[in-house]
Each structure stands twice: as C-alpha cells, then as structure tokens.
Amino acid sequence: MIGLQNIQKTIKCICVLGFLSCNRVSEPPSIPLTWNMLKKTTFIKKEMVGSPKPVDFPLFPAEMKALEGKLVRMTGYVIPVEETGDDAVLVLSAVPYSSCFFCGGAGPETIMDVRLKTKTKKPFKKDDTVTFRGQLKLNDSDLMFFNYILENAEPVL
C-alpha cells in the first residue's frame, strides 16, 4: 500500500468521472505582453557613423522599461531566420510574413528577436502562430538586433 501511495504522489494523477486528470507542474508566472504595448515606443532619428542616412532609435515608454528583465509571454507569427544558421534564433511578428516589417512596410515595433532557451526538436514554420515565454530585453543601441528581444525563450504549450 505504501508503494501505491508513493506512485500516486509522484505522478499526481487522479481519476475523475472516468477521465484521467493530471496536475501539471505549475509554470512560472509570466506577464502578458501585447503588440499594442510595443506600439507605444517612439523613435528619434540619429546620425550613425557609416550610415548614409539617420537611423531610428527607440525611446521606450516607462511601461516597457518596467518590464525589462521580467518574464513575459508574447504571441505572434514565426519568421524563421535561416540566414543566421542558428535554429535557436527566430523572429516573432505581429503580422504574417507577407505583411511583416521586411516585406509589407510594418514598423519596427511589430517584430522581436526570439532567442530560444533550447533548440526545438521540431522546427517552426513560417507563419506558425506561437506564444513564447522569456525574459524581455530592450535594445536601443545594437543595430544587429531588433528593439525587442525575448531571451531564454520557450514555447508555451
């Protein structure tokens, strides 16, 4: 009988009305992030050495600054970035690929870099709608990355 109790505690499953219902390990709390929140970022033009024209630099609102480093979750359309050769890096967009920042003229507030915590077994496909959870990083200086970066990200199932 003791063995059965240990098994029950270990798998934490109970039978309810003929269905098996498992208590999942609780996920760490994360703050919902929306594309509308990102749209509140404004931009100023600055001269940049080596650039023929001024470059847009973000001015993050206080609401976004308060979230930096926090665990957040964001839903969007996946845009794989094969050019990097790194399956652990992708782009998340507010709109599908045909309308995204690269193709359709949407603004920089409609995309974010996603750096996956671990490489996924099944690669994401273009325009998959996925929610990711990770730590928000605001980028106002490194032009090699987008203004919003989700670090140590993992898909939320």
N, C-alpha and C. Protein backbone atom coordinates (compact mmCIF):
# COMPACT_ATOMS: atom_id res chain seq x y z
N MET A 1 0.83 -1.20 0.00
CA MET A 1 0.00 0.00 0.00
C MET A 1 0.86 1.25 0.00
N ILE A 2 2.00 1.22 0.69
CA ILE A 2 2.88 2.38 0.72
C ILE A 2 3.40 2.69 -0.67
N GLY A 3 3.75 1.65 -1.44
CA GLY A 3 4.23 1.85 -2.80
C GLY A 3 3.20 2.55 -3.67
N LEU A 4 1.95 2.17 -3.55
CA LEU A 4 0.89 2.79 -4.34
C LEU A 4 0.73 4.26 -3.97
N GLN A 5 0.83 4.59 -2.68
CA GLN A 5 0.73 5.99 -2.26
C GLN A 5 1.88 6.81 -2.84
N ASN A 6 3.08 6.26 -2.85
CA ASN A 6 4.22 6.97 -3.42
C ASN A 6 4.04 7.21 -4.91
N ILE A 7 3.53 6.21 -5.60
CA ILE A 7 3.30 6.36 -7.04
C ILE A 7 2.26 7.46 -7.27
N GLN A 8 1.21 7.45 -6.48
CA GLN A 8 0.17 8.46 -6.64
C GLN A 8 0.73 9.85 -6.37
N LYS A 9 1.56 10.00 -5.37
CA LYS A 9 2.17 11.30 -5.08
C LYS A 9 3.11 11.71 -6.20
N THR A 10 3.84 10.75 -6.73
CA THR A 10 4.82 11.06 -7.76
C THR A 10 4.16 11.55 -9.04
N ILE A 11 3.19 10.85 -9.54
CA ILE A 11 2.59 11.25 -10.81
C ILE A 11 1.42 12.22 -10.64
N LYS A 12 0.93 12.36 -9.42
CA LYS A 12 -0.12 13.32 -9.09
C LYS A 12 -1.31 13.27 -10.05
N CYS A 13 -1.76 12.08 -10.33
CA CYS A 13 -2.91 11.93 -11.22
C CYS A 13 -4.09 11.40 -10.42
N ILE A 14 -5.25 11.83 -10.78
CA ILE A 14 -6.46 11.34 -10.14
C ILE A 14 -7.48 10.99 -11.22
N CYS A 15 -8.35 10.10 -10.88
CA CYS A 15 -9.39 9.71 -11.83
C CYS A 15 -10.67 10.44 -11.45
N VAL A 16 -11.20 11.20 -12.38
CA VAL A 16 -12.41 11.96 -12.11
C VAL A 16 -13.44 11.59 -13.17
N LEU A 17 -14.55 11.04 -12.75
CA LEU A 17 -15.64 10.66 -13.63
C LEU A 17 -15.16 9.86 -14.85
N GLY A 18 -14.24 8.96 -14.61
CA GLY A 18 -13.77 8.10 -15.69
C GLY A 18 -12.70 8.70 -16.56
N PHE A 19 -12.32 9.96 -16.34
CA PHE A 19 -11.27 10.60 -17.12
C PHE A 19 -10.03 10.75 -16.24
N LEU A 20 -8.89 10.66 -16.85
CA LEU A 20 -7.65 10.84 -16.13
C LEU A 20 -7.29 12.31 -16.18
N SER A 21 -7.12 12.93 -15.04
CA SER A 21 -6.78 14.34 -14.99
C SER A 21 -5.47 14.49 -14.22
N CYS A 22 -4.45 15.02 -14.86
CA CYS A 22 -3.15 15.15 -14.21
C CYS A 22 -2.91 16.58 -13.78
N ASN A 23 -2.37 16.73 -12.58
CA ASN A 23 -1.95 18.05 -12.11
C ASN A 23 -0.60 18.34 -12.75
N ARG A 24 -0.53 19.33 -13.62
CA ARG A 24 0.72 19.68 -14.28
C ARG A 24 1.59 20.49 -13.33
N VAL A 25 2.86 20.35 -13.51
CA VAL A 25 3.77 21.18 -12.74
C VAL A 25 3.48 22.62 -13.14
N SER A 26 3.28 23.48 -12.16
CA SER A 26 2.91 24.85 -12.49
C SER A 26 4.05 25.57 -13.19
N GLU A 27 3.69 26.33 -14.20
CA GLU A 27 4.67 27.10 -14.96
C GLU A 27 4.96 28.38 -14.20
N PRO A 28 6.17 28.91 -14.36
CA PRO A 28 6.47 30.17 -13.67
C PRO A 28 5.55 31.28 -14.18
N PRO A 29 5.12 32.16 -13.31
CA PRO A 29 4.23 33.23 -13.74
C PRO A 29 4.94 34.16 -14.73
N SER A 30 4.21 34.55 -15.76
CA SER A 30 4.77 35.49 -16.73
C SER A 30 3.75 36.58 -17.01
N ILE A 31 4.26 37.71 -17.41
CA ILE A 31 3.43 38.89 -17.66
C ILE A 31 3.03 38.90 -19.14
N PRO A 32 1.74 39.03 -19.44
CA PRO A 32 1.35 39.09 -20.85
C PRO A 32 1.85 40.38 -21.50
N LEU A 33 2.43 40.23 -22.66
CA LEU A 33 2.93 41.36 -23.45
C LEU A 33 2.10 41.40 -24.72
N THR A 34 1.72 42.58 -25.17
CA THR A 34 0.93 42.69 -26.40
C THR A 34 1.65 43.57 -27.41
N TRP A 35 1.29 43.40 -28.65
CA TRP A 35 1.87 44.23 -29.71
C TRP A 35 1.45 45.69 -29.53
N ASN A 36 0.27 45.93 -28.98
CA ASN A 36 -0.16 47.31 -28.72
C ASN A 36 0.74 47.98 -27.69
N MET A 37 1.26 47.22 -26.75
CA MET A 37 2.19 47.79 -25.77
C MET A 37 3.48 48.21 -26.47
N LEU A 38 3.94 47.40 -27.42
CA LEU A 38 5.17 47.72 -28.15
C LEU A 38 4.99 48.94 -29.04
N LYS A 39 3.78 49.15 -29.52
CA LYS A 39 3.49 50.29 -30.41
C LYS A 39 3.64 51.63 -29.70
N LYS A 40 3.69 51.62 -28.38
CA LYS A 40 3.82 52.88 -27.62
C LYS A 40 5.26 53.42 -27.67
N THR A 41 6.17 52.62 -28.19
CA THR A 41 7.56 53.07 -28.33
C THR A 41 7.63 54.12 -29.43
N THR A 42 8.33 55.20 -29.17
CA THR A 42 8.54 56.24 -30.19
C THR A 42 9.99 56.17 -30.66
N PHE A 43 10.28 56.85 -31.74
CA PHE A 43 11.61 56.78 -32.33
C PHE A 43 12.13 58.17 -32.65
N ILE A 44 13.44 58.33 -32.49
CA ILE A 44 14.09 59.57 -32.90
C ILE A 44 15.18 59.19 -33.91
N LYS A 45 15.45 60.10 -34.81
CA LYS A 45 16.49 59.87 -35.82
C LYS A 45 17.82 60.37 -35.28
N LYS A 46 18.86 59.52 -35.44
CA LYS A 46 20.21 59.88 -35.01
C LYS A 46 21.16 59.59 -36.16
N GLU A 47 22.17 60.42 -36.26
CA GLU A 47 23.23 60.17 -37.23
C GLU A 47 24.05 58.98 -36.73
N MET A 48 24.46 58.14 -37.65
CA MET A 48 25.23 56.96 -37.29
C MET A 48 26.45 56.89 -38.20
N VAL A 49 27.61 56.71 -37.61
CA VAL A 49 28.84 56.60 -38.39
C VAL A 49 28.72 55.41 -39.35
N GLY A 50 29.00 55.65 -40.61
CA GLY A 50 28.93 54.60 -41.61
C GLY A 50 27.57 54.44 -42.27
N SER A 51 26.58 55.16 -41.78
CA SER A 51 25.24 55.08 -42.37
C SER A 51 25.00 56.33 -43.21
N PRO A 52 24.53 56.16 -44.45
CA PRO A 52 24.31 57.30 -45.32
C PRO A 52 23.16 58.21 -44.88
N LYS A 53 22.28 57.68 -44.04
CA LYS A 53 21.15 58.49 -43.57
C LYS A 53 20.92 58.24 -42.09
N PRO A 54 20.18 59.12 -41.41
CA PRO A 54 19.91 58.93 -39.98
C PRO A 54 19.18 57.61 -39.72
N VAL A 55 19.40 57.07 -38.54
CA VAL A 55 18.83 55.79 -38.13
C VAL A 55 17.82 56.03 -37.02
N ASP A 56 16.72 55.27 -37.04
CA ASP A 56 15.71 55.36 -35.98
C ASP A 56 16.19 54.66 -34.72
N PHE A 57 16.17 55.38 -33.60
CA PHE A 57 16.50 54.80 -32.30
C PHE A 57 15.26 54.88 -31.41
N PRO A 58 14.96 53.80 -30.66
CA PRO A 58 13.74 53.78 -29.85
C PRO A 58 13.86 54.58 -28.56
N LEU A 59 12.73 55.14 -28.19
CA LEU A 59 12.56 55.75 -26.86
C LEU A 59 11.46 54.92 -26.19
N PHE A 60 11.86 54.02 -25.32
CA PHE A 60 10.91 53.11 -24.69
C PHE A 60 10.09 53.82 -23.63
N PRO A 61 8.77 53.61 -23.62
CA PRO A 61 7.95 54.21 -22.56
C PRO A 61 8.23 53.54 -21.21
N ALA A 62 7.87 54.22 -20.15
CA ALA A 62 8.11 53.72 -18.79
C ALA A 62 7.49 52.33 -18.60
N GLU A 63 6.33 52.12 -19.20
CA GLU A 63 5.63 50.83 -19.09
C GLU A 63 6.52 49.69 -19.59
N MET A 64 7.25 49.93 -20.69
CA MET A 64 8.13 48.89 -21.24
C MET A 64 9.40 48.77 -20.41
N LYS A 65 9.94 49.88 -19.97
CA LYS A 65 11.17 49.85 -19.16
C LYS A 65 10.93 49.04 -17.88
N ALA A 66 9.72 49.13 -17.34
CA ALA A 66 9.40 48.40 -16.11
C ALA A 66 9.37 46.88 -16.33
N LEU A 67 9.21 46.47 -17.57
CA LEU A 67 9.14 45.04 -17.88
C LEU A 67 10.50 44.45 -18.26
N GLU A 68 11.50 45.29 -18.46
CA GLU A 68 12.80 44.77 -18.89
C GLU A 68 13.36 43.80 -17.84
N GLY A 69 13.82 42.66 -18.34
CA GLY A 69 14.37 41.63 -17.47
C GLY A 69 13.32 40.73 -16.83
N LYS A 70 12.06 41.08 -16.99
CA LYS A 70 10.97 40.30 -16.40
C LYS A 70 10.58 39.15 -17.34
N LEU A 71 9.97 38.13 -16.78
CA LEU A 71 9.46 37.00 -17.54
C LEU A 71 8.13 37.40 -18.16
N VAL A 72 8.08 37.43 -19.49
CA VAL A 72 6.88 37.85 -20.21
C VAL A 72 6.50 36.76 -21.21
N ARG A 73 5.29 36.87 -21.74
CA ARG A 73 4.88 35.96 -22.82
C ARG A 73 4.27 36.79 -23.94
N MET A 74 4.56 36.35 -25.16
CA MET A 74 4.11 37.09 -26.34
C MET A 74 3.69 36.10 -27.41
N THR A 75 2.59 36.42 -28.09
CA THR A 75 2.09 35.58 -29.18
C THR A 75 2.29 36.32 -30.49
N GLY A 76 2.70 35.58 -31.51
CA GLY A 76 2.88 36.19 -32.82
C GLY A 76 3.12 35.14 -33.88
N TYR A 77 3.45 35.63 -35.06
CA TYR A 77 3.74 34.78 -36.21
C TYR A 77 5.25 34.54 -36.28
N VAL A 78 5.63 33.30 -36.45
CA VAL A 78 7.05 32.94 -36.51
C VAL A 78 7.60 33.24 -37.91
N ILE A 79 8.77 33.86 -37.92
CA ILE A 79 9.52 34.05 -39.15
C ILE A 79 10.89 33.44 -38.92
N PRO A 80 11.10 32.21 -39.42
CA PRO A 80 12.42 31.59 -39.24
C PRO A 80 13.49 32.42 -39.95
N VAL A 81 14.68 32.42 -39.39
CA VAL A 81 15.77 33.20 -39.96
C VAL A 81 16.90 32.22 -40.31
N GLU A 82 16.74 31.55 -41.43
CA GLU A 82 17.72 30.54 -41.84
C GLU A 82 19.10 31.13 -42.10
N GLU A 83 19.15 32.41 -42.46
CA GLU A 83 20.42 33.04 -42.81
C GLU A 83 21.42 33.02 -41.67
N THR A 84 20.93 32.97 -40.44
CA THR A 84 21.84 33.01 -39.29
C THR A 84 22.52 31.66 -39.09
N GLY A 85 21.92 30.60 -39.62
CA GLY A 85 22.46 29.26 -39.40
C GLY A 85 22.23 28.77 -37.99
N ASP A 86 21.41 29.46 -37.24
CA ASP A 86 21.15 29.12 -35.84
C ASP A 86 19.66 28.90 -35.65
N ASP A 87 19.27 27.63 -35.43
CA ASP A 87 17.85 27.30 -35.23
C ASP A 87 17.30 27.83 -33.92
N ALA A 88 18.17 28.33 -33.04
CA ALA A 88 17.72 28.82 -31.74
C ALA A 88 17.39 30.31 -31.78
N VAL A 89 17.44 30.91 -32.98
CA VAL A 89 17.10 32.32 -33.15
C VAL A 89 16.02 32.42 -34.21
N LEU A 90 14.98 33.16 -33.90
CA LEU A 90 13.93 33.40 -34.88
C LEU A 90 13.32 34.76 -34.64
N VAL A 91 12.42 35.15 -35.52
CA VAL A 91 11.74 36.43 -35.40
C VAL A 91 10.27 36.16 -35.12
N LEU A 92 9.69 36.92 -34.22
CA LEU A 92 8.27 36.87 -33.94
C LEU A 92 7.67 38.17 -34.46
N SER A 93 6.59 38.07 -35.21
CA SER A 93 5.98 39.23 -35.85
C SER A 93 4.52 39.38 -35.42
N ALA A 94 4.07 40.62 -35.38
CA ALA A 94 2.66 40.90 -35.06
C ALA A 94 1.75 40.50 -36.21
N VAL A 95 2.32 40.46 -37.41
CA VAL A 95 1.53 40.17 -38.62
C VAL A 95 2.20 39.05 -39.41
N PRO A 96 1.45 38.38 -40.30
CA PRO A 96 2.06 37.32 -41.11
C PRO A 96 3.19 37.84 -41.99
N TYR A 97 4.00 36.92 -42.47
CA TYR A 97 5.20 37.23 -43.24
C TYR A 97 4.94 38.19 -44.39
N SER A 98 3.85 37.99 -45.11
CA SER A 98 3.57 38.82 -46.30
C SER A 98 3.34 40.28 -45.93
N SER A 99 3.02 40.57 -44.69
CA SER A 99 2.76 41.94 -44.24
C SER A 99 3.80 42.44 -43.24
N CYS A 100 4.84 41.65 -43.01
CA CYS A 100 5.75 41.96 -41.91
C CYS A 100 6.68 43.13 -42.22
N PHE A 101 7.47 43.46 -41.25
CA PHE A 101 8.42 44.57 -41.31
C PHE A 101 9.31 44.49 -42.54
N PHE A 102 9.71 43.29 -42.91
CA PHE A 102 10.63 43.11 -44.03
C PHE A 102 9.95 43.25 -45.38
N CYS A 103 8.68 42.84 -45.47
CA CYS A 103 8.01 42.77 -46.78
C CYS A 103 6.88 43.77 -46.96
N GLY A 104 6.17 44.06 -45.90
CA GLY A 104 4.96 44.83 -46.05
C GLY A 104 4.99 46.24 -45.50
N GLY A 105 6.12 46.68 -45.03
CA GLY A 105 6.22 48.06 -44.56
C GLY A 105 5.73 48.29 -43.14
N ALA A 106 5.54 47.24 -42.36
CA ALA A 106 5.17 47.43 -40.95
C ALA A 106 6.36 48.02 -40.20
N GLY A 107 6.10 48.60 -39.04
CA GLY A 107 7.15 49.27 -38.29
C GLY A 107 7.98 48.33 -37.44
N PRO A 108 9.08 48.84 -36.89
CA PRO A 108 9.97 48.01 -36.06
C PRO A 108 9.33 47.54 -34.75
N GLU A 109 8.23 48.16 -34.38
CA GLU A 109 7.54 47.72 -33.15
C GLU A 109 6.71 46.47 -33.38
N THR A 110 6.68 45.96 -34.62
CA THR A 110 5.87 44.78 -34.93
C THR A 110 6.70 43.51 -35.01
N ILE A 111 7.97 43.58 -34.61
CA ILE A 111 8.83 42.39 -34.64
C ILE A 111 9.70 42.33 -33.39
N MET A 112 10.11 41.13 -33.06
CA MET A 112 11.05 40.95 -31.95
C MET A 112 11.93 39.74 -32.23
N ASP A 113 13.17 39.82 -31.75
CA ASP A 113 14.07 38.67 -31.80
C ASP A 113 13.64 37.70 -30.71
N VAL A 114 13.68 36.42 -31.04
CA VAL A 114 13.41 35.37 -30.05
C VAL A 114 14.65 34.48 -30.01
N ARG A 115 15.28 34.42 -28.86
CA ARG A 115 16.44 33.56 -28.66
C ARG A 115 15.99 32.40 -27.79
N LEU A 116 15.85 31.24 -28.41
CA LEU A 116 15.32 30.08 -27.70
C LEU A 116 16.29 29.56 -26.65
N LYS A 117 15.72 29.13 -25.54
CA LYS A 117 16.49 28.56 -24.44
C LYS A 117 17.19 27.28 -24.91
N THR A 118 16.45 26.44 -25.60
CA THR A 118 17.00 25.22 -26.19
C THR A 118 16.42 25.05 -27.59
N LYS A 119 17.19 24.47 -28.45
CA LYS A 119 16.75 24.21 -29.81
C LYS A 119 15.57 23.24 -29.76
N THR A 120 14.55 23.53 -30.53
CA THR A 120 13.38 22.65 -30.54
C THR A 120 13.62 21.46 -31.46
N LYS A 121 12.99 20.35 -31.14
CA LYS A 121 13.13 19.14 -31.96
C LYS A 121 12.43 19.33 -33.31
N LYS A 122 11.29 19.98 -33.27
CA LYS A 122 10.53 20.22 -34.49
C LYS A 122 10.68 21.70 -34.84
N PRO A 123 11.27 22.01 -35.99
CA PRO A 123 11.47 23.42 -36.32
C PRO A 123 10.14 24.15 -36.56
N PHE A 124 10.14 25.42 -36.27
CA PHE A 124 8.96 26.23 -36.50
C PHE A 124 8.88 26.55 -37.99
N LYS A 125 7.67 26.67 -38.47
CA LYS A 125 7.46 27.01 -39.87
C LYS A 125 7.01 28.46 -39.98
N LYS A 126 7.26 29.04 -41.13
CA LYS A 126 6.86 30.42 -41.38
C LYS A 126 5.36 30.57 -41.13
N ASP A 127 5.01 31.61 -40.39
CA ASP A 127 3.64 31.98 -40.05
C ASP A 127 2.96 31.05 -39.05
N ASP A 128 3.70 30.13 -38.42
CA ASP A 128 3.13 29.41 -37.28
C ASP A 128 2.78 30.46 -36.22
N THR A 129 1.62 30.34 -35.61
CA THR A 129 1.25 31.23 -34.52
C THR A 129 1.66 30.55 -33.22
N VAL A 130 2.56 31.21 -32.49
CA VAL A 130 3.13 30.60 -31.29
C VAL A 130 3.21 31.64 -30.18
N THR A 131 3.00 31.18 -28.95
CA THR A 131 3.24 32.02 -27.78
C THR A 131 4.55 31.58 -27.17
N PHE A 132 5.43 32.55 -26.92
CA PHE A 132 6.71 32.28 -26.28
C PHE A 132 6.76 32.98 -24.93
N ARG A 133 7.48 32.35 -24.01
CA ARG A 133 7.73 32.93 -22.70
C ARG A 133 9.24 33.10 -22.57
N GLY A 134 9.67 34.27 -22.11
CA GLY A 134 11.10 34.51 -21.92
C GLY A 134 11.31 35.85 -21.24
N GLN A 135 12.57 36.21 -21.08
CA GLN A 135 12.91 37.47 -20.42
C GLN A 135 13.04 38.57 -21.46
N LEU A 136 12.37 39.67 -21.21
CA LEU A 136 12.37 40.79 -22.13
C LEU A 136 13.64 41.62 -22.01
N LYS A 137 14.24 41.88 -23.15
CA LYS A 137 15.39 42.77 -23.21
C LYS A 137 15.04 43.89 -24.18
N LEU A 138 15.25 45.12 -23.74
CA LEU A 138 15.03 46.29 -24.60
C LEU A 138 16.37 46.68 -25.21
N ASN A 139 16.39 46.87 -26.52
CA ASN A 139 17.62 47.16 -27.23
C ASN A 139 17.53 48.52 -27.91
N ASP A 140 18.33 49.45 -27.43
CA ASP A 140 18.33 50.78 -28.04
C ASP A 140 19.71 51.16 -28.58
N SER A 141 20.59 50.16 -28.73
CA SER A 141 21.93 50.50 -29.17
C SER A 141 22.55 49.56 -30.19
N ASP A 142 22.21 48.29 -30.17
CA ASP A 142 22.84 47.32 -31.07
C ASP A 142 21.99 47.13 -32.32
N LEU A 143 22.44 47.71 -33.42
CA LEU A 143 21.66 47.67 -34.66
C LEU A 143 21.64 46.29 -35.31
N MET A 144 22.37 45.34 -34.77
CA MET A 144 22.36 43.97 -35.31
C MET A 144 21.13 43.19 -34.83
N PHE A 145 20.42 43.75 -33.85
CA PHE A 145 19.25 43.09 -33.30
C PHE A 145 18.07 44.05 -33.30
N PHE A 146 16.87 43.50 -33.14
CA PHE A 146 15.67 44.33 -33.09
C PHE A 146 15.57 45.04 -31.74
N ASN A 147 14.62 45.94 -31.64
CA ASN A 147 14.45 46.73 -30.42
C ASN A 147 13.96 45.88 -29.24
N TYR A 148 13.24 44.82 -29.55
CA TYR A 148 12.71 43.93 -28.50
C TYR A 148 13.33 42.56 -28.69
N ILE A 149 13.82 42.00 -27.61
CA ILE A 149 14.44 40.68 -27.66
C ILE A 149 13.84 39.84 -26.53
N LEU A 150 13.43 38.64 -26.86
CA LEU A 150 12.94 37.69 -25.87
C LEU A 150 14.03 36.65 -25.67
N GLU A 151 14.70 36.68 -24.52
CA GLU A 151 15.83 35.81 -24.25
C GLU A 151 15.39 34.60 -23.43
N ASN A 152 16.15 33.51 -23.58
CA ASN A 152 15.84 32.25 -22.88
C ASN A 152 14.39 31.86 -23.11
N ALA A 153 13.94 32.05 -24.32
CA ALA A 153 12.53 31.84 -24.65
C ALA A 153 12.21 30.36 -24.87
N GLU A 154 10.99 30.03 -24.55
CA GLU A 154 10.47 28.69 -24.83
C GLU A 154 9.01 28.80 -25.20
N PRO A 155 8.57 27.92 -26.09
CA PRO A 155 7.17 27.97 -26.48
C PRO A 155 6.28 27.57 -25.31
N VAL A 156 5.13 28.22 -25.23
CA VAL A 156 4.15 27.91 -24.20
C VAL A 156 3.14 26.97 -24.82
N LEU A 157 2.99 25.81 -24.22
CA LEU A 157 2.08 24.80 -24.78
C LEU A 157 0.69 24.92 -24.24
